Amino acid sequence: MPLIEIIALLAVAQFLYFGYLVGMQRRDSGLKAPAMTGHDGFERAHRVQMNTLELMIAFLPVLLLAGKYWPAWMIAPIGIVYLVGRTLYQQAYMDDPSKRGTGFMLTLGPIAALLVLALLGAVWHLF
């Protein structure tokens, strides 16, 4: 299970890094708190961070539950795809938000797969 826990911790670290990027955009743009609009780079970085938070709420529980019922060698690669997807999403969104689709699907797909695996594992263990 340590491999699954490492992936969960990397997801948290990635989220914190995205928050750092938001802070750097705020500093570099001169946009003063509490303003949330007025600089395109800041708004994009903030949206990446918030979208990542929205999806982490689903990702972390299904990752850990799927990891409880299935071998780490099977679950870990799915978690890695999520992390890569988030990175691609961030890069694309900062460059051109209309190109974020691949990164988003590489995030949503693993969450859906882990949800199915977690549900199957839980149901299987009922019997």
N, C-alpha and C. Protein backbone atom coordinates (compact mmCIF):
# COMPACT_ATOMS: atom_id res chain seq x y z
N MET A 1 0.81 -1.22 0.00
CA MET A 1 0.00 0.00 0.00
C MET A 1 0.85 1.27 0.00
N PRO A 2 2.13 1.24 0.40
CA PRO A 2 2.90 2.50 0.38
C PRO A 2 2.92 3.18 -0.98
N LEU A 3 2.89 2.40 -2.07
CA LEU A 3 2.89 3.00 -3.40
C LEU A 3 1.63 3.83 -3.62
N ILE A 4 0.50 3.32 -3.18
CA ILE A 4 -0.76 4.06 -3.31
C ILE A 4 -0.71 5.33 -2.46
N GLU A 5 -0.17 5.21 -1.26
CA GLU A 5 -0.06 6.38 -0.39
C GLU A 5 0.88 7.43 -0.97
N ILE A 6 1.95 6.99 -1.62
CA ILE A 6 2.86 7.93 -2.28
C ILE A 6 2.13 8.70 -3.38
N ILE A 7 1.32 8.01 -4.16
CA ILE A 7 0.56 8.68 -5.22
C ILE A 7 -0.42 9.68 -4.62
N ALA A 8 -1.08 9.31 -3.52
CA ALA A 8 -1.99 10.24 -2.85
C ALA A 8 -1.23 11.48 -2.38
N LEU A 9 -0.06 11.27 -1.80
CA LEU A 9 0.74 12.40 -1.33
C LEU A 9 1.26 13.26 -2.49
N LEU A 10 1.60 12.62 -3.59
CA LEU A 10 2.01 13.39 -4.78
C LEU A 10 0.86 14.23 -5.31
N ALA A 11 -0.36 13.72 -5.24
CA ALA A 11 -1.52 14.51 -5.67
C ALA A 11 -1.69 15.75 -4.79
N VAL A 12 -1.49 15.58 -3.49
CA VAL A 12 -1.57 16.73 -2.58
C VAL A 12 -0.44 17.72 -2.88
N ALA A 13 0.77 17.20 -3.10
CA ALA A 13 1.91 18.07 -3.42
C ALA A 13 1.66 18.82 -4.73
N GLN A 14 1.09 18.14 -5.71
CA GLN A 14 0.78 18.78 -6.99
C GLN A 14 -0.22 19.92 -6.78
N PHE A 15 -1.25 19.66 -5.97
CA PHE A 15 -2.23 20.70 -5.67
C PHE A 15 -1.57 21.90 -4.99
N LEU A 16 -0.69 21.65 -4.04
CA LEU A 16 0.00 22.74 -3.36
C LEU A 16 0.89 23.51 -4.34
N TYR A 17 1.53 22.80 -5.26
CA TYR A 17 2.34 23.47 -6.28
C TYR A 17 1.47 24.37 -7.16
N PHE A 18 0.30 23.88 -7.54
CA PHE A 18 -0.60 24.72 -8.33
C PHE A 18 -1.01 25.97 -7.54
N GLY A 19 -1.18 25.83 -6.23
CA GLY A 19 -1.46 26.99 -5.39
C GLY A 19 -0.30 27.97 -5.38
N TYR A 20 0.91 27.44 -5.34
CA TYR A 20 2.10 28.28 -5.41
C TYR A 20 2.11 29.07 -6.72
N LEU A 21 1.74 28.41 -7.82
CA LEU A 21 1.70 29.09 -9.12
C LEU A 21 0.67 30.23 -9.12
N VAL A 22 -0.44 30.01 -8.42
CA VAL A 22 -1.45 31.08 -8.28
C VAL A 22 -0.83 32.27 -7.57
N GLY A 23 -0.13 32.01 -6.48
CA GLY A 23 0.52 33.08 -5.74
C GLY A 23 1.55 33.82 -6.57
N MET A 24 2.30 33.10 -7.37
CA MET A 24 3.30 33.74 -8.24
C MET A 24 2.63 34.62 -9.29
N GLN A 25 1.51 34.14 -9.83
CA GLN A 25 0.77 34.94 -10.81
C GLN A 25 0.22 36.21 -10.16
N ARG A 26 -0.27 36.08 -8.93
CA ARG A 26 -0.79 37.26 -8.23
C ARG A 26 0.34 38.26 -8.01
N ARG A 27 1.48 37.76 -7.53
CA ARG A 27 2.62 38.65 -7.28
C ARG A 27 3.10 39.31 -8.57
N ASP A 28 3.31 38.50 -9.61
CA ASP A 28 3.86 39.04 -10.85
C ASP A 28 2.92 40.01 -11.55
N SER A 29 1.62 39.81 -11.38
CA SER A 29 0.65 40.68 -12.04
C SER A 29 0.37 41.95 -11.24
N GLY A 30 0.69 41.92 -9.96
CA GLY A 30 0.38 43.06 -9.11
C GLY A 30 -1.08 43.08 -8.67
N LEU A 31 -1.81 42.01 -8.95
CA LEU A 31 -3.22 41.92 -8.57
C LEU A 31 -3.31 41.76 -7.05
N LYS A 32 -3.94 42.71 -6.41
CA LYS A 32 -4.01 42.73 -4.94
C LYS A 32 -5.19 41.91 -4.43
N ALA A 33 -4.95 41.17 -3.36
CA ALA A 33 -6.03 40.43 -2.70
C ALA A 33 -7.03 41.44 -2.14
N PRO A 34 -8.29 41.18 -2.17
CA PRO A 34 -8.96 39.92 -2.48
C PRO A 34 -9.42 39.81 -3.94
N ALA A 35 -8.93 40.66 -4.83
CA ALA A 35 -9.37 40.63 -6.23
C ALA A 35 -9.12 39.26 -6.84
N MET A 36 -10.10 38.77 -7.59
CA MET A 36 -9.99 37.47 -8.25
C MET A 36 -10.03 37.59 -9.77
N THR A 37 -10.24 38.79 -10.26
CA THR A 37 -10.28 39.01 -11.70
C THR A 37 -9.42 40.22 -12.04
N GLY A 38 -9.07 40.30 -13.29
CA GLY A 38 -8.32 41.45 -13.74
C GLY A 38 -6.99 41.10 -14.37
N HIS A 39 -6.55 39.85 -14.24
CA HIS A 39 -5.31 39.43 -14.90
C HIS A 39 -5.49 38.01 -15.42
N ASP A 40 -5.35 37.85 -16.71
CA ASP A 40 -5.63 36.57 -17.36
C ASP A 40 -4.77 35.43 -16.81
N GLY A 41 -3.49 35.64 -16.61
CA GLY A 41 -2.61 34.59 -16.09
C GLY A 41 -3.03 34.15 -14.70
N PHE A 42 -3.36 35.10 -13.85
CA PHE A 42 -3.82 34.76 -12.50
C PHE A 42 -5.12 33.97 -12.56
N GLU A 43 -6.07 34.44 -13.37
CA GLU A 43 -7.37 33.77 -13.45
C GLU A 43 -7.22 32.33 -13.95
N ARG A 44 -6.35 32.12 -14.91
CA ARG A 44 -6.12 30.76 -15.42
C ARG A 44 -5.48 29.87 -14.35
N ALA A 45 -4.46 30.38 -13.70
CA ALA A 45 -3.78 29.60 -12.66
C ALA A 45 -4.74 29.27 -11.53
N HIS A 46 -5.56 30.23 -11.15
CA HIS A 46 -6.53 30.01 -10.08
C HIS A 46 -7.56 28.96 -10.50
N ARG A 47 -8.00 29.02 -11.72
CA ARG A 47 -8.99 28.04 -12.21
C ARG A 47 -8.40 26.63 -12.24
N VAL A 48 -7.13 26.51 -12.63
CA VAL A 48 -6.47 25.20 -12.60
C VAL A 48 -6.45 24.67 -11.17
N GLN A 49 -6.07 25.53 -10.23
CA GLN A 49 -6.02 25.10 -8.83
C GLN A 49 -7.40 24.68 -8.33
N MET A 50 -8.42 25.44 -8.63
CA MET A 50 -9.76 25.11 -8.13
C MET A 50 -10.31 23.86 -8.81
N ASN A 51 -10.06 23.68 -10.10
CA ASN A 51 -10.51 22.47 -10.78
C ASN A 51 -9.80 21.25 -10.20
N THR A 52 -8.53 21.40 -9.88
CA THR A 52 -7.78 20.30 -9.26
C THR A 52 -8.37 19.96 -7.90
N LEU A 53 -8.71 20.96 -7.12
CA LEU A 53 -9.34 20.72 -5.82
C LEU A 53 -10.68 20.01 -5.99
N GLU A 54 -11.47 20.47 -6.94
CA GLU A 54 -12.78 19.85 -7.19
C GLU A 54 -12.65 18.36 -7.50
N LEU A 55 -11.62 18.00 -8.26
CA LEU A 55 -11.45 16.60 -8.65
C LEU A 55 -10.72 15.77 -7.59
N MET A 56 -9.87 16.41 -6.78
CA MET A 56 -9.18 15.68 -5.71
C MET A 56 -10.17 15.12 -4.69
N ILE A 57 -11.29 15.80 -4.51
CA ILE A 57 -12.31 15.33 -3.58
C ILE A 57 -12.81 13.95 -4.00
N ALA A 58 -12.84 13.69 -5.28
CA ALA A 58 -13.23 12.38 -5.79
C ALA A 58 -12.02 11.44 -5.88
N PHE A 59 -10.88 11.96 -6.33
CA PHE A 59 -9.72 11.12 -6.60
C PHE A 59 -9.17 10.44 -5.36
N LEU A 60 -8.94 11.18 -4.30
CA LEU A 60 -8.28 10.59 -3.13
C LEU A 60 -9.06 9.44 -2.51
N PRO A 61 -10.37 9.58 -2.26
CA PRO A 61 -11.08 8.44 -1.68
C PRO A 61 -11.12 7.21 -2.58
N VAL A 62 -11.36 7.42 -3.88
CA VAL A 62 -11.44 6.23 -4.74
C VAL A 62 -10.07 5.59 -4.94
N LEU A 63 -9.02 6.39 -4.94
CA LEU A 63 -7.66 5.84 -5.02
C LEU A 63 -7.38 4.95 -3.80
N LEU A 64 -7.66 5.48 -2.62
CA LEU A 64 -7.36 4.74 -1.40
C LEU A 64 -8.25 3.51 -1.24
N LEU A 65 -9.52 3.63 -1.61
CA LEU A 65 -10.42 2.48 -1.50
C LEU A 65 -10.09 1.41 -2.55
N ALA A 66 -9.81 1.81 -3.77
CA ALA A 66 -9.42 0.84 -4.78
C ALA A 66 -8.12 0.15 -4.36
N GLY A 67 -7.21 0.93 -3.77
CA GLY A 67 -5.95 0.37 -3.28
C GLY A 67 -6.13 -0.60 -2.13
N LYS A 68 -7.23 -0.49 -1.42
CA LYS A 68 -7.54 -1.42 -0.33
C LYS A 68 -7.94 -2.79 -0.87
N TYR A 69 -8.63 -2.81 -2.00
CA TYR A 69 -9.21 -4.04 -2.53
C TYR A 69 -8.41 -4.68 -3.66
N TRP A 70 -7.56 -3.92 -4.32
CA TRP A 70 -6.83 -4.42 -5.49
C TRP A 70 -5.33 -4.24 -5.28
N PRO A 71 -4.50 -5.01 -5.97
CA PRO A 71 -3.05 -4.89 -5.79
C PRO A 71 -2.52 -3.52 -6.26
N ALA A 72 -1.50 -3.06 -5.57
CA ALA A 72 -0.91 -1.75 -5.89
C ALA A 72 -0.39 -1.69 -7.32
N TRP A 73 0.15 -2.78 -7.84
CA TRP A 73 0.67 -2.77 -9.21
C TRP A 73 -0.43 -2.47 -10.23
N MET A 74 -1.67 -2.70 -9.84
CA MET A 74 -2.81 -2.45 -10.73
C MET A 74 -3.35 -1.03 -10.55
N ILE A 75 -3.37 -0.55 -9.32
CA ILE A 75 -3.96 0.75 -9.00
C ILE A 75 -2.99 1.90 -9.24
N ALA A 76 -1.73 1.70 -8.91
CA ALA A 76 -0.74 2.77 -9.01
C ALA A 76 -0.65 3.38 -10.42
N PRO A 77 -0.60 2.58 -11.47
CA PRO A 77 -0.53 3.20 -12.80
C PRO A 77 -1.74 4.09 -13.11
N ILE A 78 -2.89 3.72 -12.60
CA ILE A 78 -4.09 4.55 -12.81
C ILE A 78 -3.90 5.89 -12.11
N GLY A 79 -3.36 5.86 -10.91
CA GLY A 79 -3.06 7.09 -10.18
C GLY A 79 -2.02 7.94 -10.88
N ILE A 80 -1.04 7.30 -11.49
CA ILE A 80 -0.02 8.04 -12.22
C ILE A 80 -0.63 8.74 -13.44
N VAL A 81 -1.55 8.07 -14.11
CA VAL A 81 -2.23 8.71 -15.25
C VAL A 81 -2.96 9.97 -14.77
N TYR A 82 -3.61 9.88 -13.60
CA TYR A 82 -4.28 11.06 -13.04
C TYR A 82 -3.28 12.21 -12.86
N LEU A 83 -2.12 11.93 -12.26
CA LEU A 83 -1.12 12.97 -12.02
C LEU A 83 -0.61 13.57 -13.33
N VAL A 84 -0.36 12.73 -14.31
CA VAL A 84 0.08 13.22 -15.62
C VAL A 84 -1.03 14.06 -16.26
N GLY A 85 -2.26 13.58 -16.15
CA GLY A 85 -3.39 14.32 -16.70
C GLY A 85 -3.53 15.70 -16.09
N ARG A 86 -3.35 15.80 -14.78
CA ARG A 86 -3.43 17.10 -14.11
C ARG A 86 -2.33 18.03 -14.60
N THR A 87 -1.13 17.49 -14.80
CA THR A 87 -0.02 18.30 -15.29
C THR A 87 -0.31 18.80 -16.71
N LEU A 88 -0.79 17.91 -17.56
CA LEU A 88 -1.14 18.31 -18.93
C LEU A 88 -2.26 19.34 -18.93
N TYR A 89 -3.24 19.15 -18.05
CA TYR A 89 -4.35 20.10 -17.93
C TYR A 89 -3.81 21.48 -17.55
N GLN A 90 -2.93 21.51 -16.56
CA GLN A 90 -2.37 22.78 -16.09
C GLN A 90 -1.61 23.48 -17.21
N GLN A 91 -0.76 22.75 -17.89
CA GLN A 91 0.04 23.34 -18.96
C GLN A 91 -0.85 23.85 -20.10
N ALA A 92 -1.82 23.05 -20.50
CA ALA A 92 -2.70 23.46 -21.59
C ALA A 92 -3.57 24.65 -21.18
N TYR A 93 -4.10 24.62 -19.98
CA TYR A 93 -4.99 25.70 -19.54
C TYR A 93 -4.24 27.02 -19.46
N MET A 94 -2.99 26.97 -19.02
CA MET A 94 -2.22 28.21 -18.94
C MET A 94 -1.88 28.74 -20.34
N ASP A 95 -1.71 27.84 -21.29
CA ASP A 95 -1.37 28.23 -22.66
C ASP A 95 -2.61 28.67 -23.44
N ASP A 96 -3.61 27.79 -23.47
CA ASP A 96 -4.84 28.06 -24.21
C ASP A 96 -5.94 27.17 -23.62
N PRO A 97 -6.84 27.73 -22.80
CA PRO A 97 -7.85 26.91 -22.11
C PRO A 97 -8.67 26.01 -23.03
N SER A 98 -8.80 26.36 -24.28
CA SER A 98 -9.58 25.52 -25.18
C SER A 98 -8.88 24.19 -25.49
N LYS A 99 -7.62 24.05 -25.12
CA LYS A 99 -6.85 22.84 -25.39
C LYS A 99 -6.71 21.95 -24.15
N ARG A 100 -7.51 22.19 -23.14
CA ARG A 100 -7.39 21.46 -21.88
C ARG A 100 -8.02 20.07 -21.90
N GLY A 101 -8.72 19.72 -22.95
CA GLY A 101 -9.51 18.50 -23.01
C GLY A 101 -8.75 17.22 -22.74
N THR A 102 -7.59 17.05 -23.33
CA THR A 102 -6.82 15.82 -23.14
C THR A 102 -6.43 15.66 -21.68
N GLY A 103 -5.91 16.71 -21.08
CA GLY A 103 -5.54 16.65 -19.67
C GLY A 103 -6.74 16.37 -18.77
N PHE A 104 -7.87 16.98 -19.12
CA PHE A 104 -9.07 16.76 -18.32
C PHE A 104 -9.52 15.30 -18.41
N MET A 105 -9.51 14.73 -19.62
CA MET A 105 -9.94 13.34 -19.77
C MET A 105 -8.96 12.37 -19.11
N LEU A 106 -7.67 12.73 -19.10
CA LEU A 106 -6.68 11.89 -18.41
C LEU A 106 -6.76 12.05 -16.90
N THR A 107 -7.60 12.95 -16.44
CA THR A 107 -7.90 13.09 -15.03
C THR A 107 -9.21 12.39 -14.70
N LEU A 108 -10.22 12.66 -15.48
CA LEU A 108 -11.55 12.11 -15.22
C LEU A 108 -11.60 10.60 -15.45
N GLY A 109 -10.93 10.13 -16.48
CA GLY A 109 -10.91 8.69 -16.77
C GLY A 109 -10.39 7.86 -15.61
N PRO A 110 -9.22 8.21 -15.05
CA PRO A 110 -8.73 7.45 -13.90
C PRO A 110 -9.67 7.51 -12.69
N ILE A 111 -10.30 8.64 -12.46
CA ILE A 111 -11.24 8.73 -11.34
C ILE A 111 -12.40 7.76 -11.57
N ALA A 112 -12.92 7.72 -12.78
CA ALA A 112 -14.03 6.80 -13.09
C ALA A 112 -13.58 5.35 -12.95
N ALA A 113 -12.40 5.03 -13.46
CA ALA A 113 -11.89 3.65 -13.35
C ALA A 113 -11.69 3.25 -11.89
N LEU A 114 -11.13 4.14 -11.10
CA LEU A 114 -10.91 3.84 -9.68
C LEU A 114 -12.23 3.70 -8.94
N LEU A 115 -13.22 4.50 -9.31
CA LEU A 115 -14.54 4.39 -8.70
C LEU A 115 -15.13 3.01 -8.97
N VAL A 116 -15.07 2.57 -10.21
CA VAL A 116 -15.60 1.25 -10.56
C VAL A 116 -14.84 0.16 -9.80
N LEU A 117 -13.52 0.25 -9.77
CA LEU A 117 -12.73 -0.77 -9.07
C LEU A 117 -13.01 -0.77 -7.57
N ALA A 118 -13.16 0.41 -6.97
CA ALA A 118 -13.47 0.48 -5.55
C ALA A 118 -14.84 -0.12 -5.26
N LEU A 119 -15.82 0.19 -6.11
CA LEU A 119 -17.16 -0.38 -5.93
C LEU A 119 -17.15 -1.90 -6.11
N LEU A 120 -16.47 -2.38 -7.14
CA LEU A 120 -16.38 -3.82 -7.35
C LEU A 120 -15.69 -4.51 -6.18
N GLY A 121 -14.62 -3.92 -5.69
CA GLY A 121 -13.92 -4.50 -4.54
C GLY A 121 -14.78 -4.54 -3.30
N ALA A 122 -15.48 -3.46 -3.04
CA ALA A 122 -16.35 -3.42 -1.85
C ALA A 122 -17.48 -4.44 -1.95
N VAL A 123 -18.11 -4.51 -3.12
CA VAL A 123 -19.20 -5.47 -3.31
C VAL A 123 -18.67 -6.89 -3.21
N TRP A 124 -17.53 -7.16 -3.83
CA TRP A 124 -16.93 -8.48 -3.80
C TRP A 124 -16.68 -8.93 -2.36
N HIS A 125 -16.25 -8.00 -1.53
CA HIS A 125 -15.94 -8.35 -0.14
C HIS A 125 -17.19 -8.50 0.74
N LEU A 126 -18.34 -8.18 0.21
CA LEU A 126 -19.59 -8.44 0.94
C LEU A 126 -19.89 -9.92 1.00
N PHE A 127 -19.44 -10.66 0.00
CA PHE A 127 -19.82 -12.07 -0.12
C PHE A 127 -18.68 -12.97 0.23
